[in-house]
Amino acid sequence: YPQFEESFQATIATFGHIDIVINNAGIMND
């Protein structure tokens, strides 16, 4: 969670804001 949060913070620091979030990361391994 903290690293995920940092990604949001770094994106906003660079671009000013965020409009779209694509939750795409995933694996398939039962």
mmCIF file of all heavy atoms, coordinates in Angstrom:
data_MODEL
# 
_entry.id   MODEL 
# 
loop_
_atom_site.group_PDB 
_atom_site.id 
_atom_site.type_symbol 
_atom_site.label_atom_id 
_atom_site.label_alt_id 
_atom_site.label_comp_id 
_atom_site.label_asym_id 
_atom_site.label_entity_id 
_atom_site.label_seq_id 
_atom_site.pdbx_PDB_ins_code 
_atom_site.Cartn_x 
_atom_site.Cartn_y 
_atom_site.Cartn_z 
_atom_site.occupancy 
_atom_site.B_iso_or_equiv 
_atom_site.pdbx_formal_charge 
_atom_site.auth_seq_id 
_atom_site.auth_comp_id 
_atom_site.auth_asym_id 
_atom_site.auth_atom_id 
_atom_site.pdbx_PDB_model_num 
ATOM 1   N N   . TYR A 1 1  ? 0.810  -1.217  0.000   1.00 0.00 ? 1  TYR A N   1 
ATOM 2   C CA  . TYR A 1 1  ? 0.000  0.000   0.000   1.00 0.00 ? 1  TYR A CA  1 
ATOM 3   C C   . TYR A 1 1  ? 0.845  1.271   0.000   1.00 0.00 ? 1  TYR A C   1 
ATOM 4   O O   . TYR A 1 1  ? 0.583  2.186   -0.789  1.00 0.00 ? 1  TYR A O   1 
ATOM 5   C CB  . TYR A 1 1  ? -0.977 -0.002  1.176   1.00 0.00 ? 1  TYR A CB  1 
ATOM 6   C CG  . TYR A 1 1  ? -1.959 1.149   1.145   1.00 0.00 ? 1  TYR A CG  1 
ATOM 7   C CD1 . TYR A 1 1  ? -3.196 1.020   0.521   1.00 0.00 ? 1  TYR A CD1 1 
ATOM 8   C CD2 . TYR A 1 1  ? -1.640 2.377   1.717   1.00 0.00 ? 1  TYR A CD2 1 
ATOM 9   C CE1 . TYR A 1 1  ? -4.091 2.081   0.461   1.00 0.00 ? 1  TYR A CE1 1 
ATOM 10  C CE2 . TYR A 1 1  ? -2.522 3.441   1.663   1.00 0.00 ? 1  TYR A CE2 1 
ATOM 11  C CZ  . TYR A 1 1  ? -3.749 3.286   1.038   1.00 0.00 ? 1  TYR A CZ  1 
ATOM 12  O OH  . TYR A 1 1  ? -4.613 4.348   0.982   1.00 0.00 ? 1  TYR A OH  1 
ATOM 13  N N   . PRO A 1 2  ? 1.861  1.377   0.875   1.00 0.00 ? 2  PRO A N   1 
ATOM 14  C CA  . PRO A 1 2  ? 2.665  2.609   0.865   1.00 0.00 ? 2  PRO A CA  1 
ATOM 15  C C   . PRO A 1 2  ? 3.321  2.879   -0.487  1.00 0.00 ? 2  PRO A C   1 
ATOM 16  O O   . PRO A 1 2  ? 3.371  4.029   -0.937  1.00 0.00 ? 2  PRO A O   1 
ATOM 17  C CB  . PRO A 1 2  ? 3.704  2.364   1.965   1.00 0.00 ? 2  PRO A CB  1 
ATOM 18  C CG  . PRO A 1 2  ? 3.048  1.400   2.894   1.00 0.00 ? 2  PRO A CG  1 
ATOM 19  C CD  . PRO A 1 2  ? 2.251  0.499   1.994   1.00 0.00 ? 2  PRO A CD  1 
ATOM 20  N N   . GLN A 1 3  ? 3.835  1.830   -1.148  1.00 0.00 ? 3  GLN A N   1 
ATOM 21  C CA  . GLN A 1 3  ? 4.458  2.042   -2.457  1.00 0.00 ? 3  GLN A CA  1 
ATOM 22  C C   . GLN A 1 3  ? 3.429  2.422   -3.507  1.00 0.00 ? 3  GLN A C   1 
ATOM 23  O O   . GLN A 1 3  ? 3.685  3.279   -4.374  1.00 0.00 ? 3  GLN A O   1 
ATOM 24  C CB  . GLN A 1 3  ? 5.226  0.789   -2.888  1.00 0.00 ? 3  GLN A CB  1 
ATOM 25  C CG  . GLN A 1 3  ? 6.114  1.012   -4.101  1.00 0.00 ? 3  GLN A CG  1 
ATOM 26  C CD  . GLN A 1 3  ? 6.937  -0.207  -4.467  1.00 0.00 ? 3  GLN A CD  1 
ATOM 27  O OE1 . GLN A 1 3  ? 6.451  -1.111  -5.142  1.00 0.00 ? 3  GLN A OE1 1 
ATOM 28  N NE2 . GLN A 1 3  ? 8.183  -0.239  -4.011  1.00 0.00 ? 3  GLN A NE2 1 
ATOM 29  N N   . PHE A 1 4  ? 2.263  1.816   -3.430  1.00 0.00 ? 4  PHE A N   1 
ATOM 30  C CA  . PHE A 1 4  ? 1.168  2.154   -4.342  1.00 0.00 ? 4  PHE A CA  1 
ATOM 31  C C   . PHE A 1 4  ? 0.781  3.624   -4.136  1.00 0.00 ? 4  PHE A C   1 
ATOM 32  O O   . PHE A 1 4  ? 0.598  4.387   -5.099  1.00 0.00 ? 4  PHE A O   1 
ATOM 33  C CB  . PHE A 1 4  ? -0.024 1.238   -4.068  1.00 0.00 ? 4  PHE A CB  1 
ATOM 34  C CG  . PHE A 1 4  ? -0.958 1.011   -5.227  1.00 0.00 ? 4  PHE A CG  1 
ATOM 35  C CD1 . PHE A 1 4  ? -1.891 -0.011  -5.180  1.00 0.00 ? 4  PHE A CD1 1 
ATOM 36  C CD2 . PHE A 1 4  ? -0.924 1.824   -6.354  1.00 0.00 ? 4  PHE A CD2 1 
ATOM 37  C CE1 . PHE A 1 4  ? -2.769 -0.232  -6.235  1.00 0.00 ? 4  PHE A CE1 1 
ATOM 38  C CE2 . PHE A 1 4  ? -1.801 1.614   -7.424  1.00 0.00 ? 4  PHE A CE2 1 
ATOM 39  C CZ  . PHE A 1 4  ? -2.725 0.595   -7.351  1.00 0.00 ? 4  PHE A CZ  1 
ATOM 40  N N   . GLU A 1 5  ? 0.679  4.022   -2.898  1.00 0.00 ? 5  GLU A N   1 
ATOM 41  C CA  . GLU A 1 5  ? 0.371  5.407   -2.561  1.00 0.00 ? 5  GLU A CA  1 
ATOM 42  C C   . GLU A 1 5  ? 1.421  6.361   -3.132  1.00 0.00 ? 5  GLU A C   1 
ATOM 43  O O   . GLU A 1 5  ? 1.092  7.429   -3.671  1.00 0.00 ? 5  GLU A O   1 
ATOM 44  C CB  . GLU A 1 5  ? 0.291  5.554   -1.039  1.00 0.00 ? 5  GLU A CB  1 
ATOM 45  C CG  . GLU A 1 5  ? -0.012 6.948   -0.544  1.00 0.00 ? 5  GLU A CG  1 
ATOM 46  C CD  . GLU A 1 5  ? 0.016  7.016   0.974   1.00 0.00 ? 5  GLU A CD  1 
ATOM 47  O OE1 . GLU A 1 5  ? 0.845  6.310   1.600   1.00 0.00 ? 5  GLU A OE1 1 
ATOM 48  O OE2 . GLU A 1 5  ? -0.792 7.779   1.533   1.00 0.00 ? 5  GLU A OE2 1 
ATOM 49  N N   . GLU A 1 6  ? 2.684  5.978   -3.034  1.00 0.00 ? 6  GLU A N   1 
ATOM 50  C CA  . GLU A 1 6  ? 3.769  6.803   -3.566  1.00 0.00 ? 6  GLU A CA  1 
ATOM 51  C C   . GLU A 1 6  ? 3.646  6.990   -5.079  1.00 0.00 ? 6  GLU A C   1 
ATOM 52  O O   . GLU A 1 6  ? 4.026  8.039   -5.613  1.00 0.00 ? 6  GLU A O   1 
ATOM 53  C CB  . GLU A 1 6  ? 5.120  6.179   -3.214  1.00 0.00 ? 6  GLU A CB  1 
ATOM 54  C CG  . GLU A 1 6  ? 5.501  6.302   -1.745  1.00 0.00 ? 6  GLU A CG  1 
ATOM 55  C CD  . GLU A 1 6  ? 6.743  5.508   -1.387  1.00 0.00 ? 6  GLU A CD  1 
ATOM 56  O OE1 . GLU A 1 6  ? 7.377  4.948   -2.312  1.00 0.00 ? 6  GLU A OE1 1 
ATOM 57  O OE2 . GLU A 1 6  ? 7.068  5.434   -0.185  1.00 0.00 ? 6  GLU A OE2 1 
ATOM 58  N N   . SER A 1 7  ? 3.128  5.974   -5.761  1.00 0.00 ? 7  SER A N   1 
ATOM 59  C CA  . SER A 1 7  ? 2.932  6.101   -7.208  1.00 0.00 ? 7  SER A CA  1 
ATOM 60  C C   . SER A 1 7  ? 1.926  7.204   -7.527  1.00 0.00 ? 7  SER A C   1 
ATOM 61  O O   . SER A 1 7  ? 2.108  7.984   -8.467  1.00 0.00 ? 7  SER A O   1 
ATOM 62  C CB  . SER A 1 7  ? 2.466  4.772   -7.800  1.00 0.00 ? 7  SER A CB  1 
ATOM 63  O OG  . SER A 1 7  ? 3.450  3.777   -7.658  1.00 0.00 ? 7  SER A OG  1 
ATOM 64  N N   . PHE A 1 8  ? 0.857  7.271   -6.734  1.00 0.00 ? 8  PHE A N   1 
ATOM 65  C CA  . PHE A 1 8  ? -0.127 8.339   -6.907  1.00 0.00 ? 8  PHE A CA  1 
ATOM 66  C C   . PHE A 1 8  ? 0.522  9.694   -6.623  1.00 0.00 ? 8  PHE A C   1 
ATOM 67  O O   . PHE A 1 8  ? 0.348  10.652  -7.388  1.00 0.00 ? 8  PHE A O   1 
ATOM 68  C CB  . PHE A 1 8  ? -1.317 8.116   -5.971  1.00 0.00 ? 8  PHE A CB  1 
ATOM 69  C CG  . PHE A 1 8  ? -2.368 7.193   -6.515  1.00 0.00 ? 8  PHE A CG  1 
ATOM 70  C CD1 . PHE A 1 8  ? -2.183 5.822   -6.520  1.00 0.00 ? 8  PHE A CD1 1 
ATOM 71  C CD2 . PHE A 1 8  ? -3.560 7.698   -7.018  1.00 0.00 ? 8  PHE A CD2 1 
ATOM 72  C CE1 . PHE A 1 8  ? -3.155 4.964   -7.013  1.00 0.00 ? 8  PHE A CE1 1 
ATOM 73  C CE2 . PHE A 1 8  ? -4.545 6.853   -7.518  1.00 0.00 ? 8  PHE A CE2 1 
ATOM 74  C CZ  . PHE A 1 8  ? -4.340 5.487   -7.518  1.00 0.00 ? 8  PHE A CZ  1 
ATOM 75  N N   . GLN A 1 9  ? 1.273  9.767   -5.537  1.00 0.00 ? 9  GLN A N   1 
ATOM 76  C CA  . GLN A 1 9  ? 1.906  11.028  -5.153  1.00 0.00 ? 9  GLN A CA  1 
ATOM 77  C C   . GLN A 1 9  ? 2.914  11.494  -6.194  1.00 0.00 ? 9  GLN A C   1 
ATOM 78  O O   . GLN A 1 9  ? 2.960  12.686  -6.534  1.00 0.00 ? 9  GLN A O   1 
ATOM 79  C CB  . GLN A 1 9  ? 2.575  10.869  -3.785  1.00 0.00 ? 9  GLN A CB  1 
ATOM 80  C CG  . GLN A 1 9  ? 1.579  10.652  -2.647  1.00 0.00 ? 9  GLN A CG  1 
ATOM 81  C CD  . GLN A 1 9  ? 2.248  10.218  -1.353  1.00 0.00 ? 9  GLN A CD  1 
ATOM 82  O OE1 . GLN A 1 9  ? 3.341  9.628   -1.375  1.00 0.00 ? 9  GLN A OE1 1 
ATOM 83  N NE2 . GLN A 1 9  ? 1.601  10.481  -0.220  1.00 0.00 ? 9  GLN A NE2 1 
ATOM 84  N N   . ALA A 1 10 ? 3.715  10.556  -6.718  1.00 0.00 ? 10 ALA A N   1 
ATOM 85  C CA  . ALA A 1 10 ? 4.721  10.910  -7.723  1.00 0.00 ? 10 ALA A CA  1 
ATOM 86  C C   . ALA A 1 10 ? 4.072  11.367  -9.022  1.00 0.00 ? 10 ALA A C   1 
ATOM 87  O O   . ALA A 1 10 ? 4.549  12.299  -9.687  1.00 0.00 ? 10 ALA A O   1 
ATOM 88  C CB  . ALA A 1 10 ? 5.639  9.710   -7.988  1.00 0.00 ? 10 ALA A CB  1 
ATOM 89  N N   . THR A 1 11 ? 2.980  10.717  -9.389  1.00 0.00 ? 11 THR A N   1 
ATOM 90  C CA  . THR A 1 11 ? 2.261  11.093  -10.605 1.00 0.00 ? 11 THR A CA  1 
ATOM 91  C C   . THR A 1 11 ? 1.688  12.504  -10.483 1.00 0.00 ? 11 THR A C   1 
ATOM 92  O O   . THR A 1 11 ? 1.799  13.324  -11.401 1.00 0.00 ? 11 THR A O   1 
ATOM 93  C CB  . THR A 1 11 ? 1.140  10.080  -10.898 1.00 0.00 ? 11 THR A CB  1 
ATOM 94  O OG1 . THR A 1 11 ? 1.707  8.765   -11.011 1.00 0.00 ? 11 THR A OG1 1 
ATOM 95  C CG2 . THR A 1 11 ? 0.417  10.425  -12.193 1.00 0.00 ? 11 THR A CG2 1 
ATOM 96  N N   . ILE A 1 12 ? 1.092  12.789  -9.331  1.00 0.00 ? 12 ILE A N   1 
ATOM 97  C CA  . ILE A 1 12 ? 0.518  14.124  -9.099  1.00 0.00 ? 12 ILE A CA  1 
ATOM 98  C C   . ILE A 1 12 ? 1.624  15.179  -9.029  1.00 0.00 ? 12 ILE A C   1 
ATOM 99  O O   . ILE A 1 12 ? 1.477  16.291  -9.551  1.00 0.00 ? 12 ILE A O   1 
ATOM 100 C CB  . ILE A 1 12 ? -0.335 14.114  -7.822  1.00 0.00 ? 12 ILE A CB  1 
ATOM 101 C CG1 . ILE A 1 12 ? -1.589 13.251  -8.032  1.00 0.00 ? 12 ILE A CG1 1 
ATOM 102 C CG2 . ILE A 1 12 ? -0.737 15.537  -7.420  1.00 0.00 ? 12 ILE A CG2 1 
ATOM 103 C CD1 . ILE A 1 12 ? -2.378 12.970  -6.776  1.00 0.00 ? 12 ILE A CD1 1 
ATOM 104 N N   . ALA A 1 13 ? 2.753  14.819  -8.414  1.00 0.00 ? 13 ALA A N   1 
ATOM 105 C CA  . ALA A 1 13 ? 3.877  15.762  -8.330  1.00 0.00 ? 13 ALA A CA  1 
ATOM 106 C C   . ALA A 1 13 ? 4.397  16.123  -9.714  1.00 0.00 ? 13 ALA A C   1 
ATOM 107 O O   . ALA A 1 13 ? 4.833  17.258  -9.953  1.00 0.00 ? 13 ALA A O   1 
ATOM 108 C CB  . ALA A 1 13 ? 4.999  15.158  -7.490  1.00 0.00 ? 13 ALA A CB  1 
ATOM 109 N N   . THR A 1 14 ? 4.342  15.177  -10.650 1.00 0.00 ? 14 THR A N   1 
ATOM 110 C CA  . THR A 1 14 ? 4.839  15.409  -12.011 1.00 0.00 ? 14 THR A CA  1 
ATOM 111 C C   . THR A 1 14 ? 3.812  16.098  -12.898 1.00 0.00 ? 14 THR A C   1 
ATOM 112 O O   . THR A 1 14 ? 4.129  17.073  -13.595 1.00 0.00 ? 14 THR A O   1 
ATOM 113 C CB  . THR A 1 14 ? 5.257  14.076  -12.664 1.00 0.00 ? 14 THR A CB  1 
ATOM 114 O OG1 . THR A 1 14 ? 6.260  13.448  -11.859 1.00 0.00 ? 14 THR A OG1 1 
ATOM 115 C CG2 . THR A 1 14 ? 5.798  14.306  -14.070 1.00 0.00 ? 14 THR A CG2 1 
ATOM 116 N N   . PHE A 1 15 ? 2.589  15.597  -12.871 1.00 0.00 ? 15 PHE A N   1 
ATOM 117 C CA  . PHE A 1 15 ? 1.572  16.074  -13.816 1.00 0.00 ? 15 PHE A CA  1 
ATOM 118 C C   . PHE A 1 15 ? 0.520  16.991  -13.202 1.00 0.00 ? 15 PHE A C   1 
ATOM 119 O O   . PHE A 1 15 ? -0.326 17.527  -13.926 1.00 0.00 ? 15 PHE A O   1 
ATOM 120 C CB  . PHE A 1 15 ? 0.881  14.872  -14.478 1.00 0.00 ? 15 PHE A CB  1 
ATOM 121 C CG  . PHE A 1 15 ? 1.790  14.011  -15.312 1.00 0.00 ? 15 PHE A CG  1 
ATOM 122 C CD1 . PHE A 1 15 ? 1.838  12.633  -15.120 1.00 0.00 ? 15 PHE A CD1 1 
ATOM 123 C CD2 . PHE A 1 15 ? 2.598  14.570  -16.296 1.00 0.00 ? 15 PHE A CD2 1 
ATOM 124 C CE1 . PHE A 1 15 ? 2.668  11.827  -15.898 1.00 0.00 ? 15 PHE A CE1 1 
ATOM 125 C CE2 . PHE A 1 15 ? 3.429  13.776  -17.076 1.00 0.00 ? 15 PHE A CE2 1 
ATOM 126 C CZ  . PHE A 1 15 ? 3.461  12.400  -16.879 1.00 0.00 ? 15 PHE A CZ  1 
ATOM 127 N N   . GLY A 1 16 ? 0.536  17.146  -11.880 1.00 0.00 ? 16 GLY A N   1 
ATOM 128 C CA  . GLY A 1 16 ? -0.394 18.062  -11.227 1.00 0.00 ? 16 GLY A CA  1 
ATOM 129 C C   . GLY A 1 16 ? -1.654 17.440  -10.683 1.00 0.00 ? 16 GLY A C   1 
ATOM 130 O O   . GLY A 1 16 ? -2.214 17.894  -9.687  1.00 0.00 ? 16 GLY A O   1 
ATOM 131 N N   . HIS A 1 17 ? -2.107 16.367  -11.325 1.00 0.00 ? 17 HIS A N   1 
ATOM 132 C CA  . HIS A 1 17 ? -3.332 15.686  -10.888 1.00 0.00 ? 17 HIS A CA  1 
ATOM 133 C C   . HIS A 1 17 ? -3.428 14.348  -11.626 1.00 0.00 ? 17 HIS A C   1 
ATOM 134 O O   . HIS A 1 17 ? -2.573 14.041  -12.464 1.00 0.00 ? 17 HIS A O   1 
ATOM 135 C CB  . HIS A 1 17 ? -4.569 16.542  -11.185 1.00 0.00 ? 17 HIS A CB  1 
ATOM 136 C CG  . HIS A 1 17 ? -4.796 16.763  -12.655 1.00 0.00 ? 17 HIS A CG  1 
ATOM 137 N ND1 . HIS A 1 17 ? -4.077 17.673  -13.395 1.00 0.00 ? 17 HIS A ND1 1 
ATOM 138 C CD2 . HIS A 1 17 ? -5.653 16.156  -13.528 1.00 0.00 ? 17 HIS A CD2 1 
ATOM 139 C CE1 . HIS A 1 17 ? -4.481 17.642  -14.653 1.00 0.00 ? 17 HIS A CE1 1 
ATOM 140 N NE2 . HIS A 1 17 ? -5.433 16.716  -14.759 1.00 0.00 ? 17 HIS A NE2 1 
ATOM 141 N N   . ILE A 1 18 ? -4.457 13.577  -11.322 1.00 0.00 ? 18 ILE A N   1 
ATOM 142 C CA  . ILE A 1 18 ? -4.754 12.326  -12.027 1.00 0.00 ? 18 ILE A CA  1 
ATOM 143 C C   . ILE A 1 18 ? -6.228 12.342  -12.400 1.00 0.00 ? 18 ILE A C   1 
ATOM 144 O O   . ILE A 1 18 ? -7.081 12.708  -11.582 1.00 0.00 ? 18 ILE A O   1 
ATOM 145 C CB  . ILE A 1 18 ? -4.454 11.082  -11.157 1.00 0.00 ? 18 ILE A CB  1 
ATOM 146 C CG1 . ILE A 1 18 ? -2.977 11.045  -10.754 1.00 0.00 ? 18 ILE A CG1 1 
ATOM 147 C CG2 . ILE A 1 18 ? -4.837 9.790   -11.898 1.00 0.00 ? 18 ILE A CG2 1 
ATOM 148 C CD1 . ILE A 1 18 ? -2.660 9.969   -9.725  1.00 0.00 ? 18 ILE A CD1 1 
ATOM 149 N N   . ASP A 1 19 ? -6.538 11.942  -13.635 1.00 0.00 ? 19 ASP A N   1 
ATOM 150 C CA  . ASP A 1 19 ? -7.926 11.859  -14.092 1.00 0.00 ? 19 ASP A CA  1 
ATOM 151 C C   . ASP A 1 19 ? -8.419 10.421  -14.229 1.00 0.00 ? 19 ASP A C   1 
ATOM 152 O O   . ASP A 1 19 ? -9.605 10.149  -14.064 1.00 0.00 ? 19 ASP A O   1 
ATOM 153 C CB  . ASP A 1 19 ? -8.074 12.519  -15.471 1.00 0.00 ? 19 ASP A CB  1 
ATOM 154 C CG  . ASP A 1 19 ? -7.642 13.971  -15.477 1.00 0.00 ? 19 ASP A CG  1 
ATOM 155 O OD1 . ASP A 1 19 ? -8.323 14.793  -14.833 1.00 0.00 ? 19 ASP A OD1 1 
ATOM 156 O OD2 . ASP A 1 19 ? -6.608 14.283  -16.116 1.00 0.00 ? 19 ASP A OD2 1 
ATOM 157 N N   . ILE A 1 20 ? -7.489 9.530   -14.580 1.00 0.00 ? 20 ILE A N   1 
ATOM 158 C CA  . ILE A 1 20 ? -7.849 8.146   -14.914 1.00 0.00 ? 20 ILE A CA  1 
ATOM 159 C C   . ILE A 1 20 ? -6.929 7.194   -14.166 1.00 0.00 ? 20 ILE A C   1 
ATOM 160 O O   . ILE A 1 20 ? -5.705 7.374   -14.182 1.00 0.00 ? 20 ILE A O   1 
ATOM 161 C CB  . ILE A 1 20 ? -7.707 7.883   -16.430 1.00 0.00 ? 20 ILE A CB  1 
ATOM 162 C CG1 . ILE A 1 20 ? -8.600 8.844   -17.244 1.00 0.00 ? 20 ILE A CG1 1 
ATOM 163 C CG2 . ILE A 1 20 ? -8.026 6.439   -16.780 1.00 0.00 ? 20 ILE A CG2 1 
ATOM 164 C CD1 . ILE A 1 20 ? -8.254 8.881   -18.729 1.00 0.00 ? 20 ILE A CD1 1 
ATOM 165 N N   . VAL A 1 21 ? -7.502 6.187   -13.520 1.00 0.00 ? 21 VAL A N   1 
ATOM 166 C CA  . VAL A 1 21 ? -6.722 5.127   -12.881 1.00 0.00 ? 21 VAL A CA  1 
ATOM 167 C C   . VAL A 1 21 ? -7.127 3.801   -13.508 1.00 0.00 ? 21 VAL A C   1 
ATOM 168 O O   . VAL A 1 21 ? -8.314 3.439   -13.511 1.00 0.00 ? 21 VAL A O   1 
ATOM 169 C CB  . VAL A 1 21 ? -6.959 5.090   -11.357 1.00 0.00 ? 21 VAL A CB  1 
ATOM 170 C CG1 . VAL A 1 21 ? -6.261 3.881   -10.727 1.00 0.00 ? 21 VAL A CG1 1 
ATOM 171 C CG2 . VAL A 1 21 ? -6.465 6.387   -10.708 1.00 0.00 ? 21 VAL A CG2 1 
ATOM 172 N N   . ILE A 1 22 ? -6.154 3.083   -14.049 1.00 0.00 ? 22 ILE A N   1 
ATOM 173 C CA  . ILE A 1 22 ? -6.400 1.775   -14.650 1.00 0.00 ? 22 ILE A CA  1 
ATOM 174 C C   . ILE A 1 22 ? -5.771 0.718   -13.750 1.00 0.00 ? 22 ILE A C   1 
ATOM 175 O O   . ILE A 1 22 ? -4.549 0.576   -13.697 1.00 0.00 ? 22 ILE A O   1 
ATOM 176 C CB  . ILE A 1 22 ? -5.805 1.662   -16.072 1.00 0.00 ? 22 ILE A CB  1 
ATOM 177 C CG1 . ILE A 1 22 ? -6.201 2.864   -16.934 1.00 0.00 ? 22 ILE A CG1 1 
ATOM 178 C CG2 . ILE A 1 22 ? -6.235 0.349   -16.715 1.00 0.00 ? 22 ILE A CG2 1 
ATOM 179 C CD1 . ILE A 1 22 ? -7.667 2.987   -17.226 1.00 0.00 ? 22 ILE A CD1 1 
ATOM 180 N N   . ASN A 1 23 ? -6.603 -0.009  -13.011 1.00 0.00 ? 23 ASN A N   1 
ATOM 181 C CA  . ASN A 1 23 ? -6.127 -1.113  -12.176 1.00 0.00 ? 23 ASN A CA  1 
ATOM 182 C C   . ASN A 1 23 ? -5.998 -2.348  -13.057 1.00 0.00 ? 23 ASN A C   1 
ATOM 183 O O   . ASN A 1 23 ? -6.977 -3.060  -13.307 1.00 0.00 ? 23 ASN A O   1 
ATOM 184 C CB  . ASN A 1 23 ? -7.106 -1.369  -11.026 1.00 0.00 ? 23 ASN A CB  1 
ATOM 185 C CG  . ASN A 1 23 ? -7.057 -0.287  -9.974  1.00 0.00 ? 23 ASN A CG  1 
ATOM 186 O OD1 . ASN A 1 23 ? -5.985 0.122   -9.530  1.00 0.00 ? 23 ASN A OD1 1 
ATOM 187 N ND2 . ASN A 1 23 ? -8.222 0.186   -9.559  1.00 0.00 ? 23 ASN A ND2 1 
ATOM 188 N N   . ASN A 1 24 ? -4.789 -2.584  -13.546 1.00 0.00 ? 24 ASN A N   1 
ATOM 189 C CA  . ASN A 1 24 ? -4.569 -3.632  -14.542 1.00 0.00 ? 24 ASN A CA  1 
ATOM 190 C C   . ASN A 1 24 ? -3.649 -4.749  -14.070 1.00 0.00 ? 24 ASN A C   1 
ATOM 191 O O   . ASN A 1 24 ? -3.713 -5.866  -14.593 1.00 0.00 ? 24 ASN A O   1 
ATOM 192 C CB  . ASN A 1 24 ? -3.987 -3.000  -15.813 1.00 0.00 ? 24 ASN A CB  1 
ATOM 193 C CG  . ASN A 1 24 ? -3.514 -4.026  -16.801 1.00 0.00 ? 24 ASN A CG  1 
ATOM 194 O OD1 . ASN A 1 24 ? -4.314 -4.689  -17.470 1.00 0.00 ? 24 ASN A OD1 1 
ATOM 195 N ND2 . ASN A 1 24 ? -2.199 -4.192  -16.907 1.00 0.00 ? 24 ASN A ND2 1 
ATOM 196 N N   . ALA A 1 25 ? -2.779 -4.489  -13.075 1.00 0.00 ? 25 ALA A N   1 
ATOM 197 C CA  . ALA A 1 25 ? -1.825 -5.512  -12.642 1.00 0.00 ? 25 ALA A CA  1 
ATOM 198 C C   . ALA A 1 25 ? -2.549 -6.789  -12.224 1.00 0.00 ? 25 ALA A C   1 
ATOM 199 O O   . ALA A 1 25 ? -3.531 -6.743  -11.480 1.00 0.00 ? 25 ALA A O   1 
ATOM 200 C CB  . ALA A 1 25 ? -0.987 -4.976  -11.483 1.00 0.00 ? 25 ALA A CB  1 
ATOM 201 N N   . GLY A 1 26 ? -2.051 -7.920  -12.701 1.00 0.00 ? 26 GLY A N   1 
ATOM 202 C CA  . GLY A 1 26 ? -2.686 -9.189  -12.346 1.00 0.00 ? 26 GLY A CA  1 
ATOM 203 C C   . GLY A 1 26 ? -1.833 -10.377 -12.738 1.00 0.00 ? 26 GLY A C   1 
ATOM 204 O O   . GLY A 1 26 ? -0.952 -10.270 -13.603 1.00 0.00 ? 26 GLY A O   1 
ATOM 205 N N   . ILE A 1 27 ? -2.068 -11.496 -12.088 1.00 0.00 ? 27 ILE A N   1 
ATOM 206 C CA  . ILE A 1 27 ? -1.404 -12.748 -12.435 1.00 0.00 ? 27 ILE A CA  1 
ATOM 207 C C   . ILE A 1 27 ? -2.452 -13.856 -12.494 1.00 0.00 ? 27 ILE A C   1 
ATOM 208 O O   . ILE A 1 27 ? -3.557 -13.707 -11.968 1.00 0.00 ? 27 ILE A O   1 
ATOM 209 C CB  . ILE A 1 27 ? -0.307 -13.141 -11.409 1.00 0.00 ? 27 ILE A CB  1 
ATOM 210 C CG1 . ILE A 1 27 ? -0.925 -13.421 -10.036 1.00 0.00 ? 27 ILE A CG1 1 
ATOM 211 C CG2 . ILE A 1 27 ? 0.764  -12.062 -11.327 1.00 0.00 ? 27 ILE A CG2 1 
ATOM 212 C CD1 . ILE A 1 27 ? 0.045  -14.057 -9.043  1.00 0.00 ? 27 ILE A CD1 1 
ATOM 213 N N   . MET A 1 28 ? -2.104 -14.936 -13.147 1.00 0.00 ? 28 MET A N   1 
ATOM 214 C CA  . MET A 1 28 ? -2.927 -16.148 -13.088 1.00 0.00 ? 28 MET A CA  1 
ATOM 215 C C   . MET A 1 28 ? -2.031 -17.287 -12.648 1.00 0.00 ? 28 MET A C   1 
ATOM 216 O O   . MET A 1 28 ? -1.230 -17.801 -13.426 1.00 0.00 ? 28 MET A O   1 
ATOM 217 C CB  . MET A 1 28 ? -3.558 -16.476 -14.445 1.00 0.00 ? 28 MET A CB  1 
ATOM 218 C CG  . MET A 1 28 ? -4.623 -17.568 -14.341 1.00 0.00 ? 28 MET A CG  1 
ATOM 219 S SD  . MET A 1 28 ? -5.096 -18.287 -15.925 1.00 0.00 ? 28 MET A SD  1 
ATOM 220 C CE  . MET A 1 28 ? -3.734 -19.455 -16.157 1.00 0.00 ? 28 MET A CE  1 
ATOM 221 N N   . ASN A 1 29 ? -2.118 -17.646 -11.376 1.00 0.00 ? 29 ASN A N   1 
ATOM 222 C CA  . ASN A 1 29 ? -1.351 -18.768 -10.847 1.00 0.00 ? 29 ASN A CA  1 
ATOM 223 C C   . ASN A 1 29 ? -2.024 -19.265 -9.579  1.00 0.00 ? 29 ASN A C   1 
ATOM 224 O O   . ASN A 1 29 ? -1.774 -18.755 -8.487  1.00 0.00 ? 29 ASN A O   1 
ATOM 225 C CB  . ASN A 1 29 ? 0.094  -18.370 -10.568 1.00 0.00 ? 29 ASN A CB  1 
ATOM 226 C CG  . ASN A 1 29 ? 0.988  -19.588 -10.395 1.00 0.00 ? 29 ASN A CG  1 
ATOM 227 O OD1 . ASN A 1 29 ? 0.561  -20.587 -9.821  1.00 0.00 ? 29 ASN A OD1 1 
ATOM 228 N ND2 . ASN A 1 29 ? 2.214  -19.512 -10.897 1.00 0.00 ? 29 ASN A ND2 1 
ATOM 229 N N   . ASP A 1 30 ? -2.898 -20.246 -9.739  1.00 0.00 ? 30 ASP A N   1 
ATOM 230 C CA  . ASP A 1 30 ? -3.652 -20.766 -8.599  1.00 0.00 ? 30 ASP A CA  1 
ATOM 231 C C   . ASP A 1 30 ? -2.763 -21.498 -7.591  1.00 0.00 ? 30 ASP A C   1 
ATOM 232 O O   . ASP A 1 30 ? -3.170 -21.705 -6.447  1.00 0.00 ? 30 ASP A O   1 
ATOM 233 C CB  . ASP A 1 30 ? -4.767 -21.707 -9.080  1.00 0.00 ? 30 ASP A CB  1 
ATOM 234 C CG  . ASP A 1 30 ? -6.036 -20.948 -9.452  1.00 0.00 ? 30 ASP A CG  1 
ATOM 235 O OD1 . ASP A 1 30 ? -5.971 -19.704 -9.566  1.00 0.00 ? 30 ASP A OD1 1 
ATOM 236 O OD2 . ASP A 1 30 ? -7.092 -21.594 -9.625  1.00 0.00 ? 30 ASP A OD2 1 
# 
